[in-house]
């Protein structure tokens, strides 16, 4: 196990978004000071084999306050590996982790919502390309799961649900990508970003709501937080597939084959709450580099964080301006929670989209807390 600790201080204020985020410009007077303190990092799990394969972390707070995480592990021969989903838990805010007997919740919990009564509502992908992703619910802590809840008919659509988050009013919001079968030869360029809302703890879901036009950006990977006024603030991984190669925006990353003209970047938007419905606002460029799955966290201090491999960024004005905190960026496909004490725990995997047996992966944790100093007056 390796560890590292330190203290970092940065300020967030009204500076130009791109300059502040990309260049780390220290803001002037009048902004709120956000201090990241008690930073620490360490490896919390490595496969019994080297190189290890431990990818796609899930992280959540159980109803009783236990901190739990899951990940996909593969072991054995490269041509016939064994795949499992270990479950770890911590009862001391991430200081130590132990394996949960039986690896419950079974199947893991990446993107899972934990309701106040302990009910688990989890998005699942379908392994069969003729099937579609769905939702599962458990009322016994994940020892067993109820019947699947479909979001769209599999004969007409493929669905890739990725995250479910509960709102303060008890509703659930699910985000995913949708491809209408027959719309092109492959789903990637036509995977529309959509959300669903449930009013009955995930037993059923309303019709999908499009987050942005398919022509503007696609991909199943977006995350959000609920603002104090009930609106939803989103950060998107947006993929673009122009017909010919063109210069990409700052921070974007080209895809390469089989999509030589495609590129990925970050966008952000607000979905406004309107009584029982929603008004989808326009998606605009965000000042971050492309970096896999976006993780968004609204903290108790009122600061919104965007956590990714290229850095941990903070905003106090709902995304109008961002500043990078001078602490290390996350590992790949991170998940983050804030504990009741205020400590923030972020876990991802070392590596990337690696073929089994080619890169030595591990599960990596970062922790820190925030202090906010308000301007006088």
Protein backbone atom coordinates (compact mmCIF):
# COMPACT_ATOMS: atom_id res chain seq x y z
CA UNK A 1 0.00 0.00 0.00
CA UNK A 2 1.30 3.44 -0.91
CA UNK A 3 0.24 6.77 0.56
CA UNK A 4 0.90 10.46 0.21
CA UNK A 5 -0.52 13.43 2.07
CA UNK A 6 -0.39 17.21 1.95
CA UNK A 7 -2.33 20.46 2.10
CA UNK A 8 -3.44 22.56 -0.84
CA UNK A 9 -5.06 25.97 -1.07
CA UNK A 10 -6.67 27.59 -4.08
CA UNK A 11 -9.11 30.41 -4.68
CA UNK A 12 -12.25 30.43 -6.74
CA UNK A 13 -13.56 33.72 -8.11
CA UNK A 14 -14.84 35.45 -11.18
CA UNK A 15 -12.03 34.88 -13.66
CA UNK A 16 -12.21 33.90 -17.28
CA UNK A 17 -13.33 30.28 -17.28
CA UNK A 18 -10.87 28.88 -19.77
CA UNK A 19 -7.91 30.87 -18.50
CA UNK A 20 -8.66 30.02 -14.90
CA UNK A 21 -9.14 26.35 -15.53
CA UNK A 22 -6.42 25.68 -18.07
CA UNK A 23 -3.68 27.98 -16.78
CA UNK A 24 -4.39 27.94 -13.06
CA UNK A 25 -4.68 31.72 -12.86
CA UNK A 26 -4.94 32.86 -9.25
CA UNK A 27 -8.14 34.93 -8.97
CA UNK A 28 -8.27 38.48 -7.75
CA UNK A 29 -9.96 39.93 -4.71
CA UNK A 30 -13.67 39.50 -4.20
CA UNK A 31 -13.91 35.77 -4.86
CA UNK A 32 -14.63 32.99 -2.39
CA UNK A 33 -11.54 31.19 -1.14
CA UNK A 34 -11.84 27.40 -1.35
CA UNK A 35 -9.20 25.55 0.59
CA UNK A 36 -8.56 21.85 -0.03
CA UNK A 37 -7.05 20.46 3.16
CA UNK A 38 -5.83 17.12 4.54
CA UNK A 39 -5.23 15.66 1.11
CA UNK A 40 -4.14 12.01 1.12
CA UNK A 41 -3.92 9.25 -1.46
CA UNK A 42 -3.28 5.52 -1.39
CA UNK A 43 -3.84 2.23 -3.14
CA UNK A 44 -6.68 0.35 -1.45
CA UNK A 45 -6.71 -2.83 -3.54
CA UNK A 46 -4.49 -4.76 -5.93
CA UNK A 47 -5.33 -8.01 -7.62
CA UNK A 48 -3.63 -11.16 -6.27
CA UNK A 49 -2.06 -11.36 -9.73
CA UNK A 50 0.37 -9.05 -11.52
CA UNK A 51 -0.43 -7.41 -13.80
CA UNK A 52 -3.75 -6.84 -12.09
CA UNK A 53 -7.08 -6.04 -13.71
CA UNK A 54 -9.39 -3.96 -11.47
CA UNK A 55 -11.60 -1.57 -13.46
CA UNK A 56 -14.83 0.44 -13.38
CA UNK A 57 -15.19 1.45 -9.75
CA UNK A 58 -18.51 2.04 -8.02
CA UNK A 59 -18.68 4.03 -4.76
CA UNK A 60 -21.59 4.69 -2.44
CA UNK A 61 -22.70 5.32 1.11
CA UNK A 62 -24.90 2.56 2.52
CA UNK A 63 -28.02 3.60 4.40
CA UNK A 64 -26.26 2.89 7.71
CA UNK A 65 -23.30 5.10 6.80
CA UNK A 66 -20.81 2.44 5.68
CA UNK A 67 -18.65 3.45 2.74
CA UNK A 68 -18.62 0.77 0.05
CA UNK A 69 -17.03 0.33 -3.35
CA UNK A 70 -17.07 -2.24 -6.14
CA UNK A 71 -14.99 -2.93 -9.23
CA UNK A 72 -14.58 -5.53 -11.94
CA UNK A 73 -11.66 -7.91 -11.38
CA UNK A 74 -10.28 -10.48 -13.78
CA UNK A 75 -7.81 -13.22 -13.00
CA UNK A 76 -6.51 -16.38 -14.63
CA UNK A 77 -5.29 -17.14 -18.13
CA UNK A 78 -5.57 -14.38 -20.73
CA UNK A 79 -7.55 -16.56 -23.09
CA UNK A 80 -10.01 -17.68 -20.41
CA UNK A 81 -10.10 -15.22 -17.50
CA UNK A 82 -12.42 -15.40 -14.51
CA UNK A 83 -14.43 -12.21 -13.92
CA UNK A 84 -15.87 -11.19 -10.54
CA UNK A 85 -17.06 -8.03 -8.78
CA UNK A 86 -15.47 -7.66 -5.31
CA UNK A 87 -17.12 -5.42 -2.73
CA UNK A 88 -15.00 -3.51 -0.21
CA UNK A 89 -16.24 -1.48 2.72
CA UNK A 90 -14.82 1.03 5.16
CA UNK A 91 -16.18 1.94 8.57
CA UNK A 92 -13.52 4.58 9.28
CA UNK A 93 -13.92 7.06 6.40
CA UNK A 94 -11.56 5.22 4.08
CA UNK A 95 -8.68 4.75 6.53
CA UNK A 96 -9.01 0.97 6.16
CA UNK A 97 -10.95 -1.30 3.81
CA UNK A 98 -12.13 -4.89 4.18
CA UNK A 99 -13.73 -7.36 1.77
CA UNK A 100 -17.47 -7.85 2.27
CA UNK A 101 -18.46 -11.47 2.82
CA UNK A 102 -20.24 -12.80 -0.24
CA UNK A 103 -19.42 -9.63 -2.21
CA UNK A 104 -22.80 -8.10 -1.48
CA UNK A 105 -24.33 -6.15 -3.23
CA UNK A 106 -23.98 -8.86 -5.85
CA UNK A 107 -22.96 -7.53 -9.23
CA UNK A 108 -21.55 -4.30 -7.82
CA UNK A 109 -22.97 -0.83 -7.71
CA UNK A 110 -21.40 1.52 -10.23
CA UNK A 111 -23.89 4.35 -10.78
CA UNK A 112 -26.20 2.96 -8.08
CA UNK A 113 -28.58 5.03 -5.95
CA UNK A 114 -29.05 4.17 -2.27
CA UNK A 115 -32.42 5.32 -0.97
CA UNK A 116 -33.15 6.43 2.59
CA UNK A 117 -34.86 3.14 3.44
CA UNK A 118 -31.88 1.14 2.15
CA UNK A 119 -33.40 0.21 -1.21
CA UNK A 120 -30.77 -0.08 -3.94
CA UNK A 121 -31.56 1.02 -7.49
CA UNK A 122 -28.83 0.13 -9.98
CA UNK A 123 -28.34 0.62 -13.73
CA UNK A 124 -27.23 -2.46 -15.64
CA UNK A 125 -25.88 -2.92 -19.15
CA UNK A 126 -26.96 -5.80 -21.33
CA UNK A 127 -24.24 -8.13 -22.58
CA UNK A 128 -26.28 -9.22 -25.57
CA UNK A 129 -26.25 -6.63 -28.41
CA UNK A 130 -29.82 -7.62 -29.18
CA UNK A 131 -30.85 -6.62 -25.68
CA UNK A 132 -30.99 -3.22 -23.94
CA UNK A 133 -29.79 -1.92 -20.61
CA UNK A 134 -32.19 -1.91 -17.67
CA UNK A 135 -32.60 -1.18 -13.95
CA UNK A 136 -32.53 -3.56 -11.00
CA UNK A 137 -33.82 -2.98 -7.45
CA UNK A 138 -32.92 -4.68 -4.20
CA UNK A 139 -34.56 -4.39 -0.79
CA UNK A 140 -32.14 -6.70 1.03
CA UNK A 141 -28.88 -4.86 0.55
CA UNK A 142 -28.10 -6.45 -2.78
CA UNK A 143 -28.20 -10.08 -1.64
CA UNK A 144 -30.92 -10.55 -4.24
CA UNK A 145 -32.29 -8.37 -7.02
CA UNK A 146 -35.86 -8.05 -8.23
CA UNK A 147 -37.04 -8.35 -11.82
CA UNK A 148 -35.42 -6.06 -14.37
CA UNK A 149 -37.13 -2.78 -15.16
CA UNK A 150 -36.80 -1.87 -18.82
CA UNK A 151 -36.45 1.70 -20.01
CA UNK A 152 -37.25 1.26 -23.72
CA UNK A 153 -38.24 -1.71 -25.93
CA UNK A 154 -35.11 -3.69 -26.78
CA UNK A 155 -36.41 -4.53 -30.25
CA UNK A 156 -36.33 -0.86 -31.24
CA UNK A 157 -33.54 0.54 -29.04
CA UNK A 158 -30.24 -0.19 -27.34
CA UNK A 159 -29.84 1.57 -24.00
CA UNK A 160 -26.71 2.13 -21.91
CA UNK A 161 -27.82 3.42 -18.46
CA UNK A 162 -24.91 4.81 -16.43
CA UNK A 163 -25.96 6.68 -13.29
CA UNK A 164 -28.97 7.08 -11.02
CA UNK A 165 -29.18 9.87 -8.45
CA UNK A 166 -31.98 10.61 -5.96
CA UNK A 167 -33.44 14.10 -5.72
CA UNK A 168 -34.46 15.82 -2.50
CA UNK A 169 -38.16 15.36 -3.31
CA UNK A 170 -37.74 11.58 -3.55
CA UNK A 171 -37.70 11.27 -7.32
CA UNK A 172 -34.87 9.47 -9.08
CA UNK A 173 -33.08 10.65 -12.23
CA UNK A 174 -31.31 8.15 -14.50
CA UNK A 175 -28.90 9.12 -17.27
CA UNK A 176 -28.02 6.93 -20.23
CA UNK A 177 -27.29 6.73 -23.93
CA UNK A 178 -29.86 5.55 -26.48
CA UNK A 179 -29.42 4.27 -30.00
CA UNK A 180 -32.42 3.61 -32.23
CA UNK A 181 -31.71 0.39 -34.05
CA UNK A 182 -31.15 0.90 -37.74
CA UNK A 183 -30.02 4.51 -37.33
CA UNK A 184 -26.61 4.05 -38.93
CA UNK A 185 -24.49 0.92 -38.97
CA UNK A 186 -22.90 1.40 -35.52
CA UNK A 187 -24.37 3.07 -32.42
CA UNK A 188 -21.54 5.41 -31.38
CA UNK A 189 -22.30 8.41 -33.65
CA UNK A 190 -26.03 8.26 -32.84
CA UNK A 191 -26.01 7.48 -29.11
CA UNK A 192 -28.33 10.23 -27.85
CA UNK A 193 -27.98 11.50 -24.28
CA UNK A 194 -31.26 10.97 -22.42
CA UNK A 195 -32.62 11.00 -18.89
CA UNK A 196 -35.54 9.23 -17.23
CA UNK A 197 -37.39 10.16 -14.04
CA UNK A 198 -38.97 7.76 -11.53
CA UNK A 199 -41.52 8.76 -8.92
CA UNK A 200 -41.83 5.30 -7.29
CA UNK A 201 -38.29 4.44 -6.17
CA UNK A 202 -37.28 3.02 -9.53
CA UNK A 203 -40.17 0.59 -9.99
CA UNK A 204 -41.14 2.40 -13.18
CA UNK A 205 -39.71 5.22 -15.28
CA UNK A 206 -41.27 8.00 -17.30
CA UNK A 207 -40.55 8.69 -20.98
CA UNK A 208 -36.99 9.68 -21.89
CA UNK A 209 -35.99 13.34 -22.06
CA UNK A 210 -33.26 14.32 -24.53
CA UNK A 211 -30.36 16.20 -22.90
CA UNK A 212 -28.86 17.58 -26.12
CA UNK A 213 -29.44 17.13 -29.85
CA UNK A 214 -27.63 14.14 -31.29
CA UNK A 215 -25.96 16.43 -33.84
CA UNK A 216 -24.41 18.50 -31.00
CA UNK A 217 -22.87 15.68 -29.01
CA UNK A 218 -23.44 12.04 -28.08
CA UNK A 219 -22.28 9.46 -25.52
CA UNK A 220 -23.80 7.75 -22.49
CA UNK A 221 -21.42 9.46 -20.06
CA UNK A 222 -22.71 12.51 -18.17
CA UNK A 223 -23.11 13.35 -14.49
CA UNK A 224 -25.05 15.93 -12.52
CA UNK A 225 -25.83 17.40 -9.14
CA UNK A 226 -29.05 18.92 -7.84
CA UNK A 227 -28.73 22.65 -7.16
CA UNK A 228 -30.36 24.28 -4.12
CA UNK A 229 -33.23 25.57 -6.31
CA UNK A 230 -33.95 22.09 -7.69
CA UNK A 231 -32.31 22.58 -11.09
CA UNK A 232 -29.87 19.94 -12.33
CA UNK A 233 -26.33 21.00 -13.22
CA UNK A 234 -24.67 18.69 -15.77
CA UNK A 235 -21.19 18.01 -17.10
CA UNK A 236 -21.06 15.89 -20.24
CA UNK A 237 -18.52 13.81 -22.06
CA UNK A 238 -19.56 14.78 -25.59
CA UNK A 239 -18.45 12.87 -28.66
CA UNK A 240 -18.58 14.40 -32.12
CA UNK A 241 -18.41 12.72 -35.52
CA UNK A 242 -17.91 15.32 -38.27
CA UNK A 243 -17.94 13.94 -41.81
CA UNK A 244 -14.41 15.21 -42.47
CA UNK A 245 -11.40 15.86 -40.25
CA UNK A 246 -11.31 19.34 -38.77
CA UNK A 247 -9.40 21.23 -36.12
CA UNK A 248 -10.66 20.17 -32.70
CA UNK A 249 -11.46 22.59 -29.85
CA UNK A 250 -8.92 23.19 -27.05
CA UNK A 251 -8.89 20.27 -24.61
CA UNK A 252 -10.58 17.87 -27.03
CA UNK A 253 -9.11 14.49 -27.89
CA UNK A 254 -9.28 12.71 -31.22
CA UNK A 255 -10.69 9.19 -31.20
CA UNK A 256 -8.68 7.52 -33.96
CA UNK A 257 -9.82 4.35 -35.67
CA UNK A 258 -12.52 3.34 -36.40
CA UNK A 259 -13.64 7.00 -36.18
CA UNK A 260 -10.69 8.99 -37.59
CA UNK A 261 -12.63 12.27 -37.76
CA UNK A 262 -14.25 11.89 -34.33
CA UNK A 263 -13.26 13.69 -31.16
CA UNK A 264 -14.40 14.00 -27.54
CA UNK A 265 -14.65 17.06 -25.32
CA UNK A 266 -16.49 18.38 -22.26
CA UNK A 267 -19.76 20.34 -22.22
CA UNK A 268 -22.05 21.54 -19.46
CA UNK A 269 -25.72 22.45 -19.15
CA UNK A 270 -28.57 23.09 -16.74
CA UNK A 271 -31.89 21.26 -16.75
CA UNK A 272 -34.33 23.59 -15.00
CA UNK A 273 -37.01 22.26 -12.69
CA UNK A 274 -40.50 23.40 -13.71
CA UNK A 275 -43.14 22.15 -11.29
CA UNK A 276 -43.26 18.42 -12.06
CA UNK A 277 -41.43 18.75 -15.36
CA UNK A 278 -38.08 19.90 -16.74
CA UNK A 279 -36.77 22.45 -19.23
CA UNK A 280 -33.54 21.38 -20.89
CA UNK A 281 -31.12 24.26 -21.30
CA UNK A 282 -28.45 24.56 -24.00
CA UNK A 283 -25.19 22.65 -23.69
CA UNK A 284 -22.10 24.86 -23.88
CA UNK A 285 -18.36 24.09 -23.90
CA UNK A 286 -16.79 23.43 -20.50
CA UNK A 287 -13.18 24.43 -19.77
CA UNK A 288 -11.85 20.92 -19.16
CA UNK A 289 -9.82 18.51 -21.21
CA UNK A 290 -11.41 15.28 -22.37
CA UNK A 291 -10.99 12.77 -19.57
CA UNK A 292 -13.31 9.78 -19.63
CA UNK A 293 -16.36 9.76 -17.38
CA UNK A 294 -17.16 13.12 -15.69
CA UNK A 295 -17.83 13.04 -11.94
CA UNK A 296 -19.83 15.92 -10.42
CA UNK A 297 -20.24 16.54 -6.70
CA UNK A 298 -22.14 19.31 -4.91
CA UNK A 299 -20.52 19.64 -1.50
CA UNK A 300 -21.96 20.67 1.85
CA UNK A 301 -19.94 23.86 1.49
CA UNK A 302 -21.92 24.85 -1.61
CA UNK A 303 -18.99 24.23 -3.96
CA UNK A 304 -19.51 22.12 -7.08
CA UNK A 305 -16.58 19.89 -7.97
CA UNK A 306 -15.77 18.30 -11.30
CA UNK A 307 -13.38 15.40 -10.67
CA UNK A 308 -11.43 13.83 -13.52
CA UNK A 309 -7.98 12.64 -14.49
CA UNK A 310 -6.97 16.06 -15.83
CA UNK A 311 -7.70 17.72 -12.48
CA UNK A 312 -10.23 18.52 -9.76
CA UNK A 313 -12.03 21.76 -10.55
CA UNK A 314 -14.28 23.93 -8.40
CA UNK A 315 -17.04 26.41 -9.15
CA UNK A 316 -19.07 28.59 -6.80
CA UNK A 317 -21.22 30.17 -9.51
CA UNK A 318 -22.88 27.15 -11.11
CA UNK A 319 -20.28 26.66 -13.79
CA UNK A 320 -19.87 30.24 -14.99
CA UNK A 321 -16.24 30.07 -13.88
CA UNK A 322 -14.03 27.17 -12.84
CA UNK A 323 -10.65 26.94 -11.16
CA UNK A 324 -8.45 23.90 -10.81
CA UNK A 325 -7.51 22.96 -7.27
CA UNK A 326 -3.76 22.27 -6.88
CA UNK A 327 -4.18 18.67 -5.85
CA UNK A 328 -3.63 15.71 -8.19
CA UNK A 329 -6.25 14.73 -10.72
CA UNK A 330 -8.13 11.49 -10.23
CA UNK A 331 -7.51 8.04 -11.57
CA UNK A 332 -9.60 6.65 -14.41
CA UNK A 333 -13.42 6.73 -14.27
CA UNK A 334 -13.62 8.11 -10.73
CA UNK A 335 -16.54 8.11 -8.32
CA UNK A 336 -16.76 10.47 -5.35
CA UNK A 337 -18.87 10.97 -2.24
CA UNK A 338 -18.80 13.43 0.63
CA UNK A 339 -19.11 11.88 4.07
CA UNK A 340 -21.14 13.28 6.95
CA UNK A 341 -17.93 14.68 8.44
CA UNK A 342 -17.28 16.68 5.28
CA UNK A 343 -14.41 14.50 4.04
CA UNK A 344 -14.51 13.83 0.30
CA UNK A 345 -13.56 10.34 -0.87
CA UNK A 346 -12.75 9.77 -4.54
CA UNK A 347 -11.85 6.35 -5.95
CA UNK A 348 -10.85 5.32 -9.47
CA UNK A 349 -8.68 2.72 -11.14
CA UNK A 350 -5.06 3.03 -12.21
CA UNK A 351 -4.90 2.48 -15.95
CA UNK A 352 -7.54 3.11 -18.59
CA UNK A 353 -9.48 0.99 -21.11
CA UNK A 354 -6.84 -1.70 -20.86
CA UNK A 355 -6.90 -5.15 -22.37
CA UNK A 356 -6.68 -7.76 -19.63
CA UNK A 357 -3.10 -8.66 -18.80
CA UNK A 358 -1.44 -5.66 -20.46
CA UNK A 359 -1.36 -2.99 -17.70
CA UNK A 360 -0.94 -3.40 -13.94
CA UNK A 361 -4.16 -1.84 -12.63
CA UNK A 362 -5.16 -1.13 -9.03
CA UNK A 363 -7.92 0.64 -7.10
CA UNK A 364 -6.78 4.05 -5.89
CA UNK A 365 -8.29 6.40 -3.29
CA UNK A 366 -7.94 10.15 -2.75
CA UNK A 367 -9.37 12.01 0.24
CA UNK A 368 -9.53 15.68 1.17
CA UNK A 369 -11.81 18.24 2.80
CA UNK A 370 -12.87 21.74 1.83
CA UNK A 371 -12.77 25.01 3.72
CA UNK A 372 -14.51 28.03 2.24
CA UNK A 373 -13.75 31.64 3.22
CA UNK A 374 -16.42 34.08 2.19
CA UNK A 375 -15.42 37.59 1.08
CA UNK A 376 -16.09 40.31 3.66
CA UNK A 377 -19.14 42.48 3.37
